Amino acid sequence: MKNQLLMLLCFLTIPHAIADFDMHDLKILVEQSELKDSDVFIVWKDGVLLHSKNPDSAKKYSIQSVTKSLTAMTAVCILKDQPEKLDLPLVFKEWEGTAKAGITLRMLLSMTSGIIDPADPWGEHDYYQHAADQPLTFLPGEKFVYANTSPMMIGKWIKESTGQQFSYHIKKCMFDALKISDWTIGKDGKKNEVVAGGIKILAQDLLKVGIMLAQGGNYQGKQLFSPSQITELRKDPLKDGHSYSLGFWLWGRDIYYMEGYLGQFLIMVPSQKLVVLRLRNRALMQDSPENNLNSFTELPGLINQLIK
């Protein structure tokens, strides 16, 4: 009996030991990051900065579509603990009586609205209205299609429903509490904020967002997002092979992350209280053999392998 109990104890403790992110895993991550020519690579775990490559702490990085995740967080914050509002139809009065009347905020945030990017995804002057004017290409809620139009319509909803732009609300929801003040967001010809990809921010400030999320919405003793809000952010409305929730990519049960064009990543593993930030910006953020080679798209999968 005693031997059986010892065997059982060993069995119960081994998975935890294997799954725990350790210094060997860190070494692998850092080595791979260097091969991919990362500008910034920071690994934080449970209150400890395990690795920090951030050569210019005064540089604001263009985080590209990582902005979309921040937009989703801001929308969920505005709704507070009333997630049912995510599923109310008729986001815009102008859609009343049209096929788009059934579109909900959840569909826009999860990119399942049925509205996709046209050949010109931005338009010339008013990005928000250009997005809202696009026709349906499939039934709302039917399938996932990644599109810049979706968060731009969230920007329009924020502006029209509250009378304030995204930047006002993200400050109120988290940036003020996180002491994030040195950041910018691009605007279109109508002064609408480009909430699909326009933020430039300091690496160390973006890391704070990841730490807060990895700690269940808590940062330095302040609960900025409730457990129910975090649950909504990580909820995937479709089981279609595209692991995308409300502005976040998902990998398995443990990992969710923000991803931007050409390899911007903020990855959270709450079960490990682990955050990995990777940024790689160049003067010309465009497709090129070098940029595509070094996008480090395998990073979330690598982290998943290390914590298995």
C-alpha atoms as a PDB file:
ATOM      1  CA  MET A   1       0.000   0.000   0.000  1.00  0.00           C
ATOM      2  CA  LYS A   2       2.810   2.394   0.919  1.00  0.00           C
ATOM      3  CA  ASN A   3       4.566   1.770  -2.402  1.00  0.00           C
ATOM      4  CA  GLN A   4       1.324   2.351  -4.273  1.00  0.00           C
ATOM      5  CA  LEU A   5       0.834   5.687  -2.509  1.00  0.00           C
ATOM      6  CA  LEU A   6       4.390   6.740  -3.375  1.00  0.00           C
ATOM      7  CA  MET A   7       3.820   5.822  -7.005  1.00  0.00           C
ATOM      8  CA  LEU A   8       0.582   7.800  -7.035  1.00  0.00           C
ATOM      9  CA  LEU A   9       2.273  10.877  -5.553  1.00  0.00           C
ATOM     10  CA  CYS A  10       5.023  10.674  -8.154  1.00  0.00           C
ATOM     11  CA  PHE A  11       2.433  10.394 -10.922  1.00  0.00           C
ATOM     12  CA  LEU A  12       0.565  13.457  -9.680  1.00  0.00           C
ATOM     13  CA  THR A  13       3.666  15.632  -9.375  1.00  0.00           C
ATOM     14  CA  ILE A  14       5.446  14.699 -12.610  1.00  0.00           C
ATOM     15  CA  PRO A  15       3.067  16.498 -15.037  1.00  0.00           C
ATOM     16  CA  HIS A  16       3.440  19.765 -13.112  1.00  0.00           C
ATOM     17  CA  ALA A  17       7.234  19.503 -13.166  1.00  0.00           C
ATOM     18  CA  ILE A  18       7.276  18.756 -16.879  1.00  0.00           C
ATOM     19  CA  ALA A  19       4.819  21.546 -17.732  1.00  0.00           C
ATOM     20  CA  ASP A  20       6.485  24.302 -15.723  1.00  0.00           C
ATOM     21  CA  PHE A  21       8.346  26.833 -17.866  1.00  0.00           C
ATOM     22  CA  ASP A  22      11.985  26.784 -16.719  1.00  0.00           C
ATOM     23  CA  MET A  23      15.404  28.225 -17.567  1.00  0.00           C
ATOM     24  CA  HIS A  24      16.036  25.572 -20.209  1.00  0.00           C
ATOM     25  CA  ASP A  25      12.835  26.638 -21.963  1.00  0.00           C
ATOM     26  CA  LEU A  26      13.927  30.260 -21.666  1.00  0.00           C
ATOM     27  CA  LYS A  27      17.247  29.446 -23.323  1.00  0.00           C
ATOM     28  CA  ILE A  28      15.440  27.871 -26.278  1.00  0.00           C
ATOM     29  CA  LEU A  29      13.128  30.861 -26.652  1.00  0.00           C
ATOM     30  CA  VAL A  30      15.971  33.391 -26.540  1.00  0.00           C
ATOM     31  CA  GLU A  31      18.068  31.425 -29.027  1.00  0.00           C
ATOM     32  CA  GLN A  32      15.177  31.217 -31.475  1.00  0.00           C
ATOM     33  CA  SER A  33      14.416  34.891 -30.996  1.00  0.00           C
ATOM     34  CA  GLU A  34      17.986  35.824 -31.905  1.00  0.00           C
ATOM     35  CA  LEU A  35      17.805  33.696 -35.035  1.00  0.00           C
ATOM     36  CA  LYS A  36      14.702  35.668 -36.003  1.00  0.00           C
ATOM     37  CA  ASP A  37      16.426  39.024 -35.460  1.00  0.00           C
ATOM     38  CA  SER A  38      13.982  40.365 -32.862  1.00  0.00           C
ATOM     39  CA  ASP A  39      14.297  44.029 -31.933  1.00  0.00           C
ATOM     40  CA  VAL A  40      12.559  43.473 -28.593  1.00  0.00           C
ATOM     41  CA  PHE A  41      12.255  40.181 -26.747  1.00  0.00           C
ATOM     42  CA  ILE A  42      11.047  40.154 -23.146  1.00  0.00           C
ATOM     43  CA  VAL A  43      10.063  37.153 -21.019  1.00  0.00           C
ATOM     44  CA  TRP A  44       8.294  37.723 -17.685  1.00  0.00           C
ATOM     45  CA  LYS A  45       7.138  35.014 -15.311  1.00  0.00           C
ATOM     46  CA  ASP A  46       5.297  35.377 -12.034  1.00  0.00           C
ATOM     47  CA  GLY A  47       6.761  38.752 -11.089  1.00  0.00           C
ATOM     48  CA  VAL A  48      10.285  38.095 -12.404  1.00  0.00           C
ATOM     49  CA  LEU A  49      11.815  39.531 -15.576  1.00  0.00           C
ATOM     50  CA  LEU A  50      13.627  36.453 -16.876  1.00  0.00           C
ATOM     51  CA  HIS A  51      14.958  38.068 -20.038  1.00  0.00           C
ATOM     52  CA  SER A  52      14.827  41.573 -21.459  1.00  0.00           C
ATOM     53  CA  LYS A  53      16.178  42.665 -24.815  1.00  0.00           C
ATOM     54  CA  ASN A  54      14.919  46.225 -25.257  1.00  0.00           C
ATOM     55  CA  PRO A  55      17.868  48.304 -26.509  1.00  0.00           C
ATOM     56  CA  ASP A  56      15.955  51.566 -26.891  1.00  0.00           C
ATOM     57  CA  SER A  57      13.471  52.046 -24.064  1.00  0.00           C
ATOM     58  CA  ALA A  58      12.483  55.457 -25.495  1.00  0.00           C
ATOM     59  CA  LYS A  59      11.408  54.013 -28.852  1.00  0.00           C
ATOM     60  CA  LYS A  60       7.729  53.687 -29.621  1.00  0.00           C
ATOM     61  CA  TYR A  61       7.008  50.606 -31.718  1.00  0.00           C
ATOM     62  CA  SER A  62       4.293  50.288 -34.329  1.00  0.00           C
ATOM     63  CA  ILE A  63       2.421  47.266 -33.001  1.00  0.00           C
ATOM     64  CA  GLN A  64       0.244  46.887 -36.088  1.00  0.00           C
ATOM     65  CA  SER A  65      -2.733  44.557 -35.490  1.00  0.00           C
ATOM     66  CA  VAL A  66      -1.886  44.056 -31.827  1.00  0.00           C
ATOM     67  CA  THR A  67      -3.992  47.235 -31.720  1.00  0.00           C
ATOM     68  CA  LYS A  68      -7.053  45.097 -32.550  1.00  0.00           C
ATOM     69  CA  SER A  69      -6.752  43.211 -29.260  1.00  0.00           C
ATOM     70  CA  LEU A  70      -6.545  46.477 -27.333  1.00  0.00           C
ATOM     71  CA  THR A  71      -9.652  47.656 -29.167  1.00  0.00           C
ATOM     72  CA  ALA A  72     -11.501  44.488 -28.138  1.00  0.00           C
ATOM     73  CA  MET A  73     -10.418  44.937 -24.530  1.00  0.00           C
ATOM     74  CA  THR A  74     -11.679  48.512 -24.576  1.00  0.00           C
ATOM     75  CA  ALA A  75     -15.056  47.479 -26.011  1.00  0.00           C
ATOM     76  CA  VAL A  76     -15.488  44.799 -23.332  1.00  0.00           C
ATOM     77  CA  CYS A  77     -14.488  47.337 -20.673  1.00  0.00           C
ATOM     78  CA  ILE A  78     -17.083  49.841 -21.908  1.00  0.00           C
ATOM     79  CA  LEU A  79     -19.773  47.172 -21.552  1.00  0.00           C
ATOM     80  CA  LYS A  80     -18.560  46.462 -18.001  1.00  0.00           C
ATOM     81  CA  ASP A  81     -20.056  43.242 -16.600  1.00  0.00           C
ATOM     82  CA  GLN A  82     -22.961  43.131 -19.038  1.00  0.00           C
ATOM     83  CA  PRO A  83     -21.728  40.607 -21.608  1.00  0.00           C
ATOM     84  CA  GLU A  84     -25.272  40.143 -22.902  1.00  0.00           C
ATOM     85  CA  LYS A  85     -24.838  43.445 -24.741  1.00  0.00           C
ATOM     86  CA  LEU A  86     -22.237  41.761 -26.918  1.00  0.00           C
ATOM     87  CA  ASP A  87     -25.064  39.774 -28.494  1.00  0.00           C
ATOM     88  CA  LEU A  88     -27.613  42.518 -29.124  1.00  0.00           C
ATOM     89  CA  PRO A  89     -28.371  43.114 -32.826  1.00  0.00           C
ATOM     90  CA  LEU A  90     -28.517  46.437 -34.673  1.00  0.00           C
ATOM     91  CA  VAL A  91     -25.117  47.891 -33.817  1.00  0.00           C
ATOM     92  CA  PHE A  92     -25.853  50.918 -36.040  1.00  0.00           C
ATOM     93  CA  LYS A  93     -29.218  52.590 -36.667  1.00  0.00           C
ATOM     94  CA  GLU A  94     -28.344  52.895 -40.354  1.00  0.00           C
ATOM     95  CA  TRP A  95     -28.438  49.093 -40.602  1.00  0.00           C
ATOM     96  CA  GLU A  96     -32.081  48.876 -39.498  1.00  0.00           C
ATOM     97  CA  GLY A  97     -34.186  46.977 -42.029  1.00  0.00           C
ATOM     98  CA  THR A  98     -31.137  45.627 -43.844  1.00  0.00           C
ATOM     99  CA  ALA A  99     -29.444  42.226 -43.872  1.00  0.00           C
ATOM    100  CA  LYS A 100     -26.785  43.698 -41.580  1.00  0.00           C
ATOM    101  CA  ALA A 101     -29.276  44.389 -38.765  1.00  0.00           C
ATOM    102  CA  GLY A 102     -28.491  40.999 -37.203  1.00  0.00           C
ATOM    103  CA  ILE A 103     -24.789  41.745 -36.789  1.00  0.00           C
ATOM    104  CA  THR A 104     -23.703  41.975 -33.147  1.00  0.00           C
ATOM    105  CA  LEU A 105     -20.672  43.412 -31.383  1.00  0.00           C
ATOM    106  CA  ARG A 106     -19.471  39.882 -30.690  1.00  0.00           C
ATOM    107  CA  MET A 107     -19.530  39.148 -34.416  1.00  0.00           C
ATOM    108  CA  LEU A 108     -17.494  42.254 -35.155  1.00  0.00           C
ATOM    109  CA  LEU A 109     -14.984  41.536 -32.394  1.00  0.00           C
ATOM    110  CA  SER A 110     -14.626  37.905 -33.451  1.00  0.00           C
ATOM    111  CA  MET A 111     -14.577  38.762 -37.183  1.00  0.00           C
ATOM    112  CA  THR A 112     -17.629  36.667 -37.952  1.00  0.00           C
ATOM    113  CA  SER A 113     -19.920  39.513 -39.054  1.00  0.00           C
ATOM    114  CA  GLY A 114     -20.030  38.556 -42.720  1.00  0.00           C
ATOM    115  CA  ILE A 115     -18.380  41.852 -43.711  1.00  0.00           C
ATOM    116  CA  ILE A 116     -14.872  41.437 -45.079  1.00  0.00           C
ATOM    117  CA  ASP A 117     -12.160  43.728 -46.406  1.00  0.00           C
ATOM    118  CA  PRO A 118     -12.778  45.131 -49.897  1.00  0.00           C
ATOM    119  CA  ALA A 119      -9.954  45.589 -52.386  1.00  0.00           C
ATOM    120  CA  ASP A 120      -9.308  48.948 -50.722  1.00  0.00           C
ATOM    121  CA  PRO A 121      -9.730  48.087 -47.020  1.00  0.00           C
ATOM    122  CA  TRP A 122      -9.339  51.635 -45.745  1.00  0.00           C
ATOM    123  CA  GLY A 123     -11.058  54.031 -48.104  1.00  0.00           C
ATOM    124  CA  GLU A 124      -9.740  57.493 -48.815  1.00  0.00           C
ATOM    125  CA  HIS A 125     -11.098  59.643 -46.010  1.00  0.00           C
ATOM    126  CA  ASP A 126     -13.555  58.126 -43.534  1.00  0.00           C
ATOM    127  CA  TYR A 127     -12.294  54.675 -42.532  1.00  0.00           C
ATOM    128  CA  TYR A 128     -15.202  54.033 -40.157  1.00  0.00           C
ATOM    129  CA  GLN A 129     -18.015  54.702 -42.610  1.00  0.00           C
ATOM    130  CA  HIS A 130     -16.153  52.955 -45.406  1.00  0.00           C
ATOM    131  CA  ALA A 131     -16.058  49.805 -43.262  1.00  0.00           C
ATOM    132  CA  ALA A 132     -19.724  50.024 -42.252  1.00  0.00           C
ATOM    133  CA  ASP A 133     -20.825  50.519 -45.866  1.00  0.00           C
ATOM    134  CA  GLN A 134     -19.329  47.259 -47.106  1.00  0.00           C
ATOM    135  CA  PRO A 135     -21.829  44.595 -48.186  1.00  0.00           C
ATOM    136  CA  LEU A 136     -22.343  41.239 -46.536  1.00  0.00           C
ATOM    137  CA  THR A 137     -20.455  38.415 -48.210  1.00  0.00           C
ATOM    138  CA  PHE A 138     -21.903  35.649 -46.006  1.00  0.00           C
ATOM    139  CA  LEU A 139     -24.512  35.357 -43.261  1.00  0.00           C
ATOM    140  CA  PRO A 140     -23.607  37.033 -39.926  1.00  0.00           C
ATOM    141  CA  GLY A 141     -22.093  34.584 -37.448  1.00  0.00           C
ATOM    142  CA  GLU A 142     -21.518  31.930 -40.088  1.00  0.00           C
ATOM    143  CA  LYS A 143     -17.731  31.889 -40.377  1.00  0.00           C
ATOM    144  CA  PHE A 144     -14.498  33.657 -39.455  1.00  0.00           C
ATOM    145  CA  VAL A 145     -12.712  35.935 -41.918  1.00  0.00           C
ATOM    146  CA  TYR A 146      -9.870  38.131 -40.698  1.00  0.00           C
ATOM    147  CA  ALA A 147     -10.615  41.734 -41.710  1.00  0.00           C
ATOM    148  CA  ASN A 148      -9.588  45.277 -40.772  1.00  0.00           C
ATOM    149  CA  THR A 149     -13.167  46.425 -41.323  1.00  0.00           C
ATOM    150  CA  SER A 150     -14.339  44.653 -38.149  1.00  0.00           C
ATOM    151  CA  PRO A 151     -12.343  46.647 -35.551  1.00  0.00           C
ATOM    152  CA  MET A 152     -12.885  49.847 -37.522  1.00  0.00           C
ATOM    153  CA  MET A 153     -16.627  49.374 -37.027  1.00  0.00           C
ATOM    154  CA  ILE A 154     -15.958  48.862 -33.309  1.00  0.00           C
ATOM    155  CA  GLY A 155     -14.187  52.233 -33.370  1.00  0.00           C
ATOM    156  CA  LYS A 156     -17.267  53.738 -34.993  1.00  0.00           C
ATOM    157  CA  TRP A 157     -19.529  52.128 -32.380  1.00  0.00           C
ATOM    158  CA  ILE A 158     -17.393  53.449 -29.509  1.00  0.00           C
ATOM    159  CA  LYS A 159     -17.407  56.959 -30.934  1.00  0.00           C
ATOM    160  CA  GLU A 160     -21.123  57.073 -31.730  1.00  0.00           C
ATOM    161  CA  SER A 161     -22.438  55.307 -28.626  1.00  0.00           C
ATOM    162  CA  THR A 162     -20.297  57.125 -26.054  1.00  0.00           C
ATOM    163  CA  GLY A 163     -19.448  60.460 -27.681  1.00  0.00           C
ATOM    164  CA  GLN A 164     -15.745  59.776 -27.057  1.00  0.00           C
ATOM    165  CA  GLN A 165     -13.076  58.087 -29.138  1.00  0.00           C
ATOM    166  CA  PHE A 166     -11.208  54.874 -28.360  1.00  0.00           C
ATOM    167  CA  SER A 167      -8.195  56.733 -26.872  1.00  0.00           C
ATOM    168  CA  TYR A 168     -10.362  58.288 -24.150  1.00  0.00           C
ATOM    169  CA  HIS A 169     -11.729  54.908 -23.101  1.00  0.00           C
ATOM    170  CA  ILE A 170      -8.504  52.887 -23.219  1.00  0.00           C
ATOM    171  CA  LYS A 171      -6.918  55.449 -20.902  1.00  0.00           C
ATOM    172  CA  LYS A 172      -9.843  55.176 -18.510  1.00  0.00           C
ATOM    173  CA  CYS A 173     -10.056  51.371 -18.748  1.00  0.00           C
ATOM    174  CA  MET A 174      -6.377  50.537 -18.273  1.00  0.00           C
ATOM    175  CA  PHE A 175      -3.686  52.893 -19.546  1.00  0.00           C
ATOM    176  CA  ASP A 176      -3.995  55.377 -16.665  1.00  0.00           C
ATOM    177  CA  ALA A 177      -3.877  52.585 -14.078  1.00  0.00           C
ATOM    178  CA  LEU A 178      -0.911  50.995 -15.882  1.00  0.00           C
ATOM    179  CA  LYS A 179       0.824  54.407 -16.034  1.00  0.00           C
ATOM    180  CA  ILE A 180       0.969  54.296 -19.830  1.00  0.00           C
ATOM    181  CA  SER A 181       1.073  57.814 -21.244  1.00  0.00           C
ATOM    182  CA  ASP A 182       3.705  57.883 -23.999  1.00  0.00           C
ATOM    183  CA  TRP A 183       1.787  56.423 -26.945  1.00  0.00           C
ATOM    184  CA  THR A 184       0.097  57.551 -30.144  1.00  0.00           C
ATOM    185  CA  ILE A 185      -2.617  56.352 -32.513  1.00  0.00           C
ATOM    186  CA  GLY A 186      -3.038  57.218 -36.177  1.00  0.00           C
ATOM    187  CA  LYS A 187      -6.132  58.972 -37.539  1.00  0.00           C
ATOM    188  CA  ASP A 188      -7.945  59.141 -40.846  1.00  0.00           C
ATOM    189  CA  GLY A 189      -9.117  62.235 -42.715  1.00  0.00           C
ATOM    190  CA  LYS A 190     -12.148  62.537 -40.417  1.00  0.00           C
ATOM    191  CA  LYS A 191      -9.965  62.280 -37.308  1.00  0.00           C
ATOM    192  CA  ASN A 192     -11.275  58.779 -36.608  1.00  0.00           C
ATOM    193  CA  GLU A 193      -8.695  56.742 -34.706  1.00  0.00           C
ATOM    194  CA  VAL A 194      -7.230  53.783 -36.584  1.00  0.00           C
ATOM    195  CA  VAL A 195      -8.196  51.112 -34.055  1.00  0.00           C
ATOM    196  CA  ALA A 196      -7.356  48.284 -36.476  1.00  0.00           C
ATOM    197  CA  GLY A 197      -3.607  48.856 -36.304  1.00  0.00           C
ATOM    198  CA  GLY A 198      -2.540  52.412 -35.584  1.00  0.00           C
ATOM    199  CA  ILE A 199      -0.932  52.343 -32.127  1.00  0.00           C
ATOM    200  CA  LYS A 200       2.707  53.120 -31.423  1.00  0.00           C
ATOM    201  CA  ILE A 201       3.814  52.360 -27.855  1.00  0.00           C
ATOM    202  CA  LEU A 202       6.861  51.699 -25.692  1.00  0.00           C
ATOM    203  CA  ALA A 203       7.754  48.017 -25.384  1.00  0.00           C
ATOM    204  CA  GLN A 204       7.890  48.133 -21.596  1.00  0.00           C
ATOM    205  CA  ASP A 205       4.390  49.646 -21.495  1.00  0.00           C
ATOM    206  CA  LEU A 206       2.886  47.015 -23.761  1.00  0.00           C
ATOM    207  CA  LEU A 207       4.433  44.400 -21.469  1.00  0.00           C
ATOM    208  CA  LYS A 208       2.330  45.800 -18.610  1.00  0.00           C
ATOM    209  CA  VAL A 209      -0.835  44.931 -20.531  1.00  0.00           C
ATOM    210  CA  GLY A 210       0.372  41.352 -20.888  1.00  0.00           C
ATOM    211  CA  ILE A 211       1.252  41.092 -17.196  1.00  0.00           C
ATOM    212  CA  MET A 212      -2.193  42.350 -16.244  1.00  0.00           C
ATOM    213  CA  LEU A 213      -3.870  39.767 -18.479  1.00  0.00           C
ATOM    214  CA  ALA A 214      -1.622  36.924 -17.281  1.00  0.00           C
ATOM    215  CA  GLN A 215      -2.693  37.799 -13.740  1.00  0.00           C
ATOM    216  CA  GLY A 216      -6.395  37.560 -14.507  1.00  0.00           C
ATOM    217  CA  GLY A 217      -6.960  41.278 -15.024  1.00  0.00           C
ATOM    218  CA  ASN A 218      -5.024  42.347 -11.926  1.00  0.00           C
ATOM    219  CA  TYR A 219      -2.071  44.734 -11.914  1.00  0.00           C
ATOM    220  CA  GLN A 220      -0.272  45.772  -8.730  1.00  0.00           C
ATOM    221  CA  GLY A 221      -3.314  44.987  -6.632  1.00  0.00           C
ATOM    222  CA  LYS A 222      -5.835  46.721  -8.904  1.00  0.00           C
ATOM    223  CA  GLN A 223      -8.465  44.606 -10.653  1.00  0.00           C
ATOM    224  CA  LEU A 224      -8.736  46.337 -14.034  1.00  0.00           C
ATOM    225  CA  PHE A 225     -10.736  43.570 -15.735  1.00  0.00           C
ATOM    226  CA  SER A 226     -13.101  41.199 -13.960  1.00  0.00           C
ATOM    227  CA  PRO A 227     -12.904  37.413 -14.343  1.00  0.00           C
ATOM    228  CA  SER A 228     -16.091  37.492 -16.446  1.00  0.00           C
ATOM    229  CA  GLN A 229     -14.570  40.083 -18.786  1.00  0.00           C
ATOM    230  CA  ILE A 230     -11.424  37.983 -19.215  1.00  0.00           C
ATOM    231  CA  THR A 231     -13.630  34.975 -19.938  1.00  0.00           C
ATOM    232  CA  GLU A 232     -15.463  36.908 -22.667  1.00  0.00           C
ATOM    233  CA  LEU A 233     -12.199  38.037 -24.255  1.00  0.00           C
ATOM    234  CA  ARG A 234     -11.058  34.411 -24.536  1.00  0.00           C
ATOM    235  CA  LYS A 235     -14.356  32.969 -25.802  1.00  0.00           C
ATOM    236  CA  ASP A 236     -14.255  31.575 -29.339  1.00  0.00           C
ATOM    237  CA  PRO A 237     -17.793  31.767 -30.814  1.00  0.00           C
ATOM    238  CA  LEU A 238     -17.107  29.218 -33.582  1.00  0.00           C
ATOM    239  CA  LYS A 239     -15.614  25.737 -33.570  1.00  0.00           C
ATOM    240  CA  ASP A 240     -14.360  26.007 -37.125  1.00  0.00           C
ATOM    241  CA  GLY A 241     -10.609  25.483 -36.873  1.00  0.00           C
ATOM    242  CA  HIS A 242      -9.876  29.210 -36.607  1.00  0.00           C
ATOM    243  CA  SER A 243      -8.925  29.761 -32.962  1.00  0.00           C
ATOM    244  CA  TYR A 244      -9.911  33.407 -32.622  1.00  0.00           C
ATOM    245  CA  SER A 245     -11.922  34.911 -29.787  1.00  0.00           C
ATOM    246  CA  LEU A 246     -12.723  38.594 -29.188  1.00  0.00           C
ATOM    247  CA  GLY A 247      -9.659  40.213 -30.718  1.00  0.00           C
ATOM    248  CA  PHE A 248      -7.297  37.485 -29.489  1.00  0.00           C
ATOM    249  CA  TRP A 249      -5.758  34.432 -31.116  1.00  0.00           C
ATOM    250  CA  LEU A 250      -5.973  31.208 -29.086  1.00  0.00           C
ATOM    251  CA  TRP A 251      -3.623  28.239 -28.851  1.00  0.00           C
ATOM    252  CA  GLY A 252      -4.960  25.325 -26.858  1.00  0.00           C
ATOM    253  CA  ARG A 253      -6.447  25.908 -23.436  1.00  0.00           C
ATOM    254  CA  ASP A 254      -3.551  27.830 -21.919  1.00  0.00           C
ATOM    255  CA  ILE A 255      -2.323  30.368 -24.448  1.00  0.00           C
ATOM    256  CA  TYR A 256      -3.937  33.461 -25.887  1.00  0.00           C
ATOM    257  CA  TYR A 257      -2.138  36.223 -27.710  1.00  0.00           C
ATOM    258  CA  MET A 258      -2.084  39.419 -29.728  1.00  0.00           C
ATOM    259  CA  GLU A 259      -0.397  39.327 -33.114  1.00  0.00           C
ATOM    260  CA  GLY A 260       0.561  42.083 -35.533  1.00  0.00           C
ATOM    261  CA  TYR A 261       1.871  42.318 -39.076  1.00  0.00           C
ATOM    262  CA  LEU A 262       5.371  40.913 -39.657  1.00  0.00           C
ATOM    263  CA  GLY A 263       5.852  39.432 -36.229  1.00  0.00           C
ATOM    264  CA  GLN A 264       4.570  41.579 -33.382  1.00  0.00           C
ATOM    265  CA  PHE A 265       3.501  39.321 -30.500  1.00  0.00           C
ATOM    266  CA  LEU A 266       2.229  39.703 -26.960  1.00  0.00           C
ATOM    267  CA  ILE A 267       1.613  36.186 -25.628  1.00  0.00           C
ATOM    268  CA  MET A 268       0.013  35.296 -22.294  1.00  0.00           C
ATOM    269  CA  VAL A 269       0.010  31.929 -20.514  1.00  0.00           C
ATOM    270  CA  PRO A 270      -2.088  32.562 -17.379  1.00  0.00           C
ATOM    271  CA  SER A 271      -1.589  29.030 -16.015  1.00  0.00           C
ATOM    272  CA  GLN A 272       2.147  29.783 -15.852  1.00  0.00           C
ATOM    273  CA  LYS A 273       1.816  33.532 -15.167  1.00  0.00           C
ATOM    274  CA  LEU A 274       4.034  33.827 -18.224  1.00  0.00           C
ATOM    275  CA  VAL A 275       4.249  36.719 -20.692  1.00  0.00           C
ATOM    276  CA  VAL A 276       6.362  36.845 -23.861  1.00  0.00           C
ATOM    277  CA  LEU A 277       6.691  40.096 -25.812  1.00  0.00           C
ATOM    278  CA  ARG A 278       8.329  40.149 -29.221  1.00  0.00           C
ATOM    279  CA  LEU A 279       8.577  43.171 -31.504  1.00  0.00           C
ATOM    280  CA  ARG A 280      10.377  43.612 -34.777  1.00  0.00           C
ATOM    281  CA  ASN A 281       9.811  46.910 -36.561  1.00  0.00           C
ATOM    282  CA  ARG A 282      11.747  48.274 -39.487  1.00  0.00           C
ATOM    283  CA  ALA A 283      11.599  51.631 -41.220  1.00  0.00           C
ATOM    284  CA  LEU A 284       9.611  49.977 -44.007  1.00  0.00           C
ATOM    285  CA  MET A 285       6.991  47.634 -42.580  1.00  0.00           C
ATOM    286  CA  GLN A 286       6.249  45.819 -45.806  1.00  0.00           C
ATOM    287  CA  ASP A 287       6.479  42.381 -47.359  1.00  0.00           C
ATOM    288  CA  SER A 288      10.042  41.405 -48.198  1.00  0.00           C
ATOM    289  CA  PRO A 289      11.959  38.104 -48.106  1.00  0.00           C
ATOM    290  CA  GLU A 290      13.796  39.152 -44.925  1.00  0.00           C
ATOM    291  CA  ASN A 291      10.731  40.525 -43.140  1.00  0.00           C
ATOM    292  CA  ASN A 292       8.648  37.459 -43.968  1.00  0.00           C
ATOM    293  CA  LEU A 293      11.436  35.070 -42.989  1.00  0.00           C
ATOM    294  CA  ASN A 294      11.795  36.761 -39.603  1.00  0.00           C
ATOM    295  CA  SER A 295       8.116  37.173 -38.730  1.00  0.00           C
ATOM    296  CA  PHE A 296       8.555  34.384 -36.114  1.00  0.00           C
ATOM    297  CA  THR A 297       5.060  33.057 -36.768  1.00  0.00           C
ATOM    298  CA  GLU A 298       6.019  29.823 -35.025  1.00  0.00           C
ATOM    299  CA  LEU A 299       6.491  31.564 -31.642  1.00  0.00           C
ATOM    300  CA  PRO A 300       3.069  30.695 -30.095  1.00  0.00           C
ATOM    301  CA  GLY A 301       3.454  27.060 -31.146  1.00  0.00           C
ATOM    302  CA  LEU A 302       6.979  26.935 -29.738  1.00  0.00           C
ATOM    303  CA  ILE A 303       5.780  28.228 -26.369  1.00  0.00           C
ATOM    304  CA  ASN A 304       2.997  25.645 -26.422  1.00  0.00           C
ATOM    305  CA  GLN A 305       5.542  22.870 -26.974  1.00  0.00           C
ATOM    306  CA  LEU A 306       7.733  24.107 -24.129  1.00  0.00           C
ATOM    307  CA  ILE A 307       4.941  24.106 -21.537  1.00  0.00           C
ATOM    308  CA  LYS A 308       3.406  20.756 -22.513  1.00  0.00           C
END
